[in-house]
């Protein structure tokens, strides 16, 4: 009985210690997850007002991409943005620039990337560079951090030729053409023309522009056509006047105020 009693006490002590160990593991796991959650885990759209200056300060290089960032990137690549494959780190970064006169829009675009944790929160500065015929141009630009998870975007948008890599229209463009990417694209390359609106698509082939027109017409029920830009083998997409109200309603939640003028006087009556 004495031996049995000691064995029982020993087993009880071991079980209590085991419970403490399990409790400690669970507690520390929850604590670490909480810290990870607070550490600008922008895949979950956690916005943090603290400055994010270094890539090590974010955790969005772990796990799948946030769907909004893909839409934003696709919108910029349809426009003036470009993707750059980094040979040293093996990832891809997105480069964005605008003329200094479009500072408000670029800062808005920067805030979208920064709030999602894909670039630092430091406000870009306007710089100058020498343009054609010695004209001084004011430029404002920024780049995202490099991500291996961006590589599929680069592979979709670029092909290698004997002249290097060139941008193409990706085969999955219909999937990522949505109100957010459309808004970015219009703010990048859209322009008011009469009572309509045009988007410059000069860098795309005639066949690629046909595909874009078909997707926009079918997916959003908007009236638009391919037109010549006035230069050989270069084209624009023109949205008819009667489609501007519907186009505005599609993208208005993502339009930076300084870019509303591109939709003309039509939206003042909406």
Protein backbone atom coordinates (compact mmCIF):
# COMPACT_ATOMS: atom_id res chain seq x y z
CA UNK A 1 0.00 0.00 0.00
CA UNK A 2 2.85 2.35 0.90
CA UNK A 3 4.53 1.76 -2.46
CA UNK A 4 1.24 2.12 -4.32
CA UNK A 5 0.55 5.38 -2.49
CA UNK A 6 3.97 6.79 -3.44
CA UNK A 7 3.50 5.75 -7.05
CA UNK A 8 0.12 7.51 -7.07
CA UNK A 9 1.62 10.70 -5.62
CA UNK A 10 4.50 10.56 -8.12
CA UNK A 11 2.09 10.12 -11.03
CA UNK A 12 0.00 13.00 -9.74
CA UNK A 13 3.06 15.28 -9.56
CA UNK A 14 4.11 14.25 -13.08
CA UNK A 15 0.62 14.95 -14.42
CA UNK A 16 0.55 18.37 -12.75
CA UNK A 17 3.96 19.22 -14.22
CA UNK A 18 2.77 18.02 -17.62
CA UNK A 19 -0.26 20.30 -17.36
CA UNK A 20 2.01 23.25 -16.53
CA UNK A 21 4.19 22.43 -19.56
CA UNK A 22 1.14 22.21 -21.84
CA UNK A 23 -0.21 25.47 -20.38
CA UNK A 24 3.16 27.16 -20.93
CA UNK A 25 3.30 25.98 -24.55
CA UNK A 26 -0.26 27.16 -25.27
CA UNK A 27 0.30 30.50 -23.52
CA UNK A 28 3.53 31.25 -25.39
CA UNK A 29 2.02 30.14 -28.69
CA UNK A 30 -0.92 32.50 -28.25
CA UNK A 31 1.42 35.29 -27.12
CA UNK A 32 3.66 34.87 -30.17
CA UNK A 33 0.67 34.77 -32.50
CA UNK A 34 -0.61 37.97 -30.91
CA UNK A 35 2.76 39.65 -31.42
CA UNK A 36 2.82 38.46 -35.03
CA UNK A 37 -0.70 39.81 -35.48
CA UNK A 38 0.31 43.22 -34.19
CA UNK A 39 3.48 43.34 -36.27
CA UNK A 40 1.87 44.99 -39.28
CA UNK A 41 0.60 41.70 -40.65
CA UNK A 42 -0.78 43.48 -43.67
CA UNK A 43 -2.10 40.37 -45.37
CA UNK A 44 -5.00 40.92 -42.96
CA UNK A 45 -5.19 44.63 -43.83
CA UNK A 46 -4.04 45.79 -40.41
CA UNK A 47 -3.20 49.46 -40.77
CA UNK A 48 -0.67 50.78 -38.30
CA UNK A 49 0.13 54.44 -37.86
CA UNK A 50 3.68 53.69 -36.77
CA UNK A 51 6.26 54.23 -39.53
CA UNK A 52 7.35 51.16 -41.47
CA UNK A 53 10.85 51.81 -42.77
CA UNK A 54 12.29 48.34 -43.24
CA UNK A 55 11.05 45.12 -44.78
CA UNK A 56 11.88 43.27 -41.57
CA UNK A 57 9.11 45.25 -39.88
CA UNK A 58 6.38 43.45 -41.83
CA UNK A 59 5.30 39.84 -42.12
CA UNK A 60 3.51 39.90 -45.48
CA UNK A 61 6.32 37.98 -47.17
CA UNK A 62 4.83 34.94 -45.41
CA UNK A 63 1.74 33.37 -46.93
CA UNK A 64 -0.43 34.34 -49.91
CA UNK A 65 -0.61 37.85 -51.34
CA UNK A 66 -3.36 40.18 -50.28
CA UNK A 67 -5.88 40.31 -53.14
CA UNK A 68 -5.98 44.12 -53.14
CA UNK A 69 -2.25 44.41 -53.75
CA UNK A 70 -2.54 42.24 -56.86
CA UNK A 71 -5.33 44.46 -58.19
CA UNK A 72 -3.30 47.60 -57.47
CA UNK A 73 -0.23 46.16 -59.19
CA UNK A 74 -2.23 45.05 -62.22
CA UNK A 75 -3.70 48.54 -62.48
CA UNK A 76 -0.27 50.17 -62.37
CA UNK A 77 1.17 47.72 -64.91
CA UNK A 78 -1.70 48.44 -67.28
CA UNK A 79 -0.57 52.04 -66.89
CA UNK A 80 2.87 53.51 -66.29
CA UNK A 81 4.24 51.13 -63.67
CA UNK A 82 6.79 48.42 -64.32
CA UNK A 83 7.90 45.22 -62.64
CA UNK A 84 11.61 44.59 -62.12
CA UNK A 85 13.11 41.15 -61.51
CA UNK A 86 15.93 41.45 -58.97
CA UNK A 87 18.75 39.08 -59.85
CA UNK A 88 20.53 39.31 -56.50
CA UNK A 89 17.61 38.70 -54.14
CA UNK A 90 15.61 36.66 -56.64
CA UNK A 91 12.39 38.57 -56.07
CA UNK A 92 10.40 41.15 -58.02
CA UNK A 93 9.67 44.74 -57.13
CA UNK A 94 7.19 47.22 -58.62
CA UNK A 95 8.43 50.65 -59.70
CA UNK A 96 6.02 53.56 -59.93
CA UNK A 97 6.61 57.10 -61.06
CA UNK A 98 4.57 60.13 -62.05
CA UNK A 99 5.19 63.67 -63.17
CA UNK A 100 5.48 66.08 -60.26
CA UNK A 101 2.18 67.68 -61.27
CA UNK A 102 0.46 64.42 -60.29
CA UNK A 103 1.95 64.39 -56.80
CA UNK A 104 -1.40 63.97 -55.04
CA UNK A 105 -2.19 60.86 -57.04
CA UNK A 106 1.22 59.29 -56.54
CA UNK A 107 1.07 59.92 -52.80
CA UNK A 108 -2.36 58.27 -52.79
CA UNK A 109 -0.90 55.30 -54.67
CA UNK A 110 2.04 55.20 -52.27
CA UNK A 111 -0.36 55.14 -49.32
CA UNK A 112 -2.14 52.11 -50.80
CA UNK A 113 1.13 50.17 -51.02
CA UNK A 114 2.43 51.45 -47.67
CA UNK A 115 -0.78 50.73 -45.74
CA UNK A 116 -0.71 47.20 -47.09
CA UNK A 117 2.92 46.93 -45.97
CA UNK A 118 4.60 46.50 -49.37
CA UNK A 119 6.83 49.58 -49.23
CA UNK A 120 8.13 51.87 -46.52
CA UNK A 121 5.92 54.67 -45.25
CA UNK A 122 8.44 57.42 -45.96
CA UNK A 123 6.79 60.03 -48.19
CA UNK A 124 8.45 60.17 -51.65
CA UNK A 125 10.12 63.43 -52.63
CA UNK A 126 9.95 65.25 -55.94
CA UNK A 127 13.20 65.03 -57.88
CA UNK A 128 14.28 66.61 -61.16
CA UNK A 129 15.86 65.16 -64.25
CA UNK A 130 16.84 66.39 -67.67
CA UNK A 131 14.23 65.64 -70.31
CA UNK A 132 14.10 66.08 -74.06
CA UNK A 133 15.69 69.22 -75.48
CA UNK A 134 17.18 70.09 -72.11
CA UNK A 135 13.81 70.52 -70.41
CA UNK A 136 13.84 70.00 -66.66
CA UNK A 137 11.22 67.47 -65.56
CA UNK A 138 9.90 67.06 -62.05
CA UNK A 139 9.46 63.40 -61.15
CA UNK A 140 8.09 61.65 -58.08
CA UNK A 141 8.65 57.93 -57.70
CA UNK A 142 8.85 55.01 -55.31
CA UNK A 143 9.40 51.25 -55.40
CA UNK A 144 7.99 48.38 -53.42
CA UNK A 145 10.19 45.96 -51.58
CA UNK A 146 11.19 42.85 -53.52
CA UNK A 147 9.06 39.75 -53.02
CA UNK A 148 9.38 36.24 -54.35
CA UNK A 149 5.58 36.19 -54.28
CA UNK A 150 5.62 38.94 -56.94
CA UNK A 151 7.52 36.69 -59.36
CA UNK A 152 4.36 35.18 -60.82
CA UNK A 153 3.25 38.72 -61.71
CA UNK A 154 6.52 39.36 -63.53
CA UNK A 155 6.23 36.06 -65.38
CA UNK A 156 2.66 36.90 -66.43
CA UNK A 157 3.49 40.40 -67.66
CA UNK A 158 6.89 40.01 -69.31
CA UNK A 159 8.39 37.83 -72.03
CA UNK A 160 11.99 37.57 -73.13
CA UNK A 161 12.87 38.67 -76.67
CA UNK A 162 16.13 39.25 -78.49
CA UNK A 163 15.83 42.85 -77.31
CA UNK A 164 15.33 41.91 -73.68
CA UNK A 165 12.17 41.58 -71.64
CA UNK A 166 9.07 43.40 -72.88
CA UNK A 167 5.69 43.97 -71.25
CA UNK A 168 2.71 42.05 -72.61
CA UNK A 169 -0.93 41.72 -71.65
CA UNK A 170 -1.15 38.77 -69.23
CA UNK A 171 -3.47 35.88 -70.00
CA UNK A 172 -5.10 36.19 -66.57
CA UNK A 173 -5.96 39.89 -66.99
CA UNK A 174 -9.73 39.29 -66.93
CA UNK A 175 -9.53 37.75 -63.47
CA UNK A 176 -7.74 40.79 -62.01
CA UNK A 177 -9.55 43.50 -63.96
CA UNK A 178 -11.91 44.84 -61.31
CA UNK A 179 -13.06 48.25 -59.97
CA UNK A 180 -9.79 48.81 -58.08
CA UNK A 181 -7.44 47.93 -60.94
CA UNK A 182 -9.64 49.85 -63.40
CA UNK A 183 -9.47 52.94 -61.17
CA UNK A 184 -5.67 52.79 -60.95
CA UNK A 185 -5.41 52.28 -64.71
CA UNK A 186 -7.65 55.27 -65.47
CA UNK A 187 -5.81 57.53 -63.02
CA UNK A 188 -2.52 56.46 -64.61
CA UNK A 189 -3.37 56.68 -68.31
CA UNK A 190 -6.91 58.02 -68.59
CA UNK A 191 -7.77 61.37 -70.12
CA UNK A 192 -10.95 63.36 -70.66
CA UNK A 193 -11.72 63.72 -74.37
CA UNK A 194 -14.77 65.81 -75.17
CA UNK A 195 -17.59 64.22 -73.22
CA UNK A 196 -15.94 60.82 -73.22
CA UNK A 197 -12.78 59.33 -71.74
CA UNK A 198 -9.81 57.60 -73.32
CA UNK A 199 -7.13 55.34 -71.88
CA UNK A 200 -3.74 55.33 -73.56
CA UNK A 201 -2.81 51.77 -74.49
CA UNK A 202 0.09 52.64 -76.81
CA UNK A 203 2.36 49.94 -75.40
CA UNK A 204 -0.05 47.13 -76.21
CA UNK A 205 -0.57 45.46 -79.57
CA UNK A 206 -3.76 45.79 -81.58
CA UNK A 207 -4.78 42.26 -80.57
CA UNK A 208 -4.14 42.98 -76.89
CA UNK A 209 -6.25 46.14 -77.01
CA UNK A 210 -9.04 44.13 -78.66
CA UNK A 211 -8.90 41.71 -75.73
CA UNK A 212 -9.14 44.56 -73.21
CA UNK A 213 -12.10 46.12 -75.02
CA UNK A 214 -13.85 42.75 -75.12
CA UNK A 215 -13.31 42.13 -71.39
CA UNK A 216 -14.45 45.62 -70.36
CA UNK A 217 -17.56 45.39 -72.55
CA UNK A 218 -18.51 41.91 -71.38
CA UNK A 219 -17.54 42.15 -67.71
CA UNK A 220 -18.72 45.68 -66.89
CA UNK A 221 -21.30 46.30 -69.63
CA UNK A 222 -19.52 49.50 -70.69
CA UNK A 223 -19.43 50.87 -74.23
CA UNK A 224 -15.87 51.37 -75.41
CA UNK A 225 -13.95 50.97 -78.67
CA UNK A 226 -10.39 50.69 -79.90
CA UNK A 227 -9.16 53.75 -81.77
CA UNK A 228 -5.88 54.78 -83.35
CA UNK A 229 -3.74 57.03 -81.18
CA UNK A 230 -2.53 58.88 -84.26
CA UNK A 231 0.79 57.04 -84.32
CA UNK A 232 1.50 53.93 -86.35
CA UNK A 233 0.47 50.69 -84.61
CA UNK A 234 -0.52 52.51 -81.42
CA UNK A 235 -4.01 52.55 -79.97
CA UNK A 236 -6.28 53.94 -77.30
CA UNK A 237 -9.50 52.72 -75.68
CA UNK A 238 -12.31 55.26 -75.92
CA UNK A 239 -15.31 55.18 -73.57
CA UNK A 240 -18.49 56.65 -75.00
CA UNK A 241 -20.26 59.51 -73.26
CA UNK A 242 -23.25 57.36 -72.28
CA UNK A 243 -20.97 54.95 -70.41
CA UNK A 244 -19.19 57.56 -68.28
CA UNK A 245 -21.80 57.52 -65.46
CA UNK A 246 -21.57 53.73 -65.23
CA UNK A 247 -17.77 53.86 -65.44
CA UNK A 248 -17.71 56.43 -62.64
CA UNK A 249 -20.01 54.34 -60.44
CA UNK A 250 -17.73 51.35 -61.03
CA UNK A 251 -14.52 53.03 -59.88
CA UNK A 252 -15.52 56.05 -57.78
CA UNK A 253 -14.66 54.46 -54.42
CA UNK A 254 -11.00 54.24 -55.49
CA UNK A 255 -10.54 57.56 -57.30
CA UNK A 256 -8.21 60.10 -55.71
CA UNK A 257 -9.97 63.52 -55.63
CA UNK A 258 -7.44 65.27 -57.90
CA UNK A 259 -8.24 62.72 -60.64
CA UNK A 260 -12.01 63.24 -60.74
CA UNK A 261 -11.62 65.75 -63.58
CA UNK A 262 -10.90 62.87 -65.97
CA UNK A 263 -14.58 61.94 -65.85
CA UNK A 264 -15.71 65.40 -66.97
CA UNK A 265 -18.86 67.27 -66.03
CA UNK A 266 -20.99 64.16 -66.32
CA UNK A 267 -20.26 63.07 -62.75
CA UNK A 268 -21.45 66.39 -61.31
CA UNK A 269 -24.99 65.30 -62.12
CA UNK A 270 -24.62 61.84 -60.56
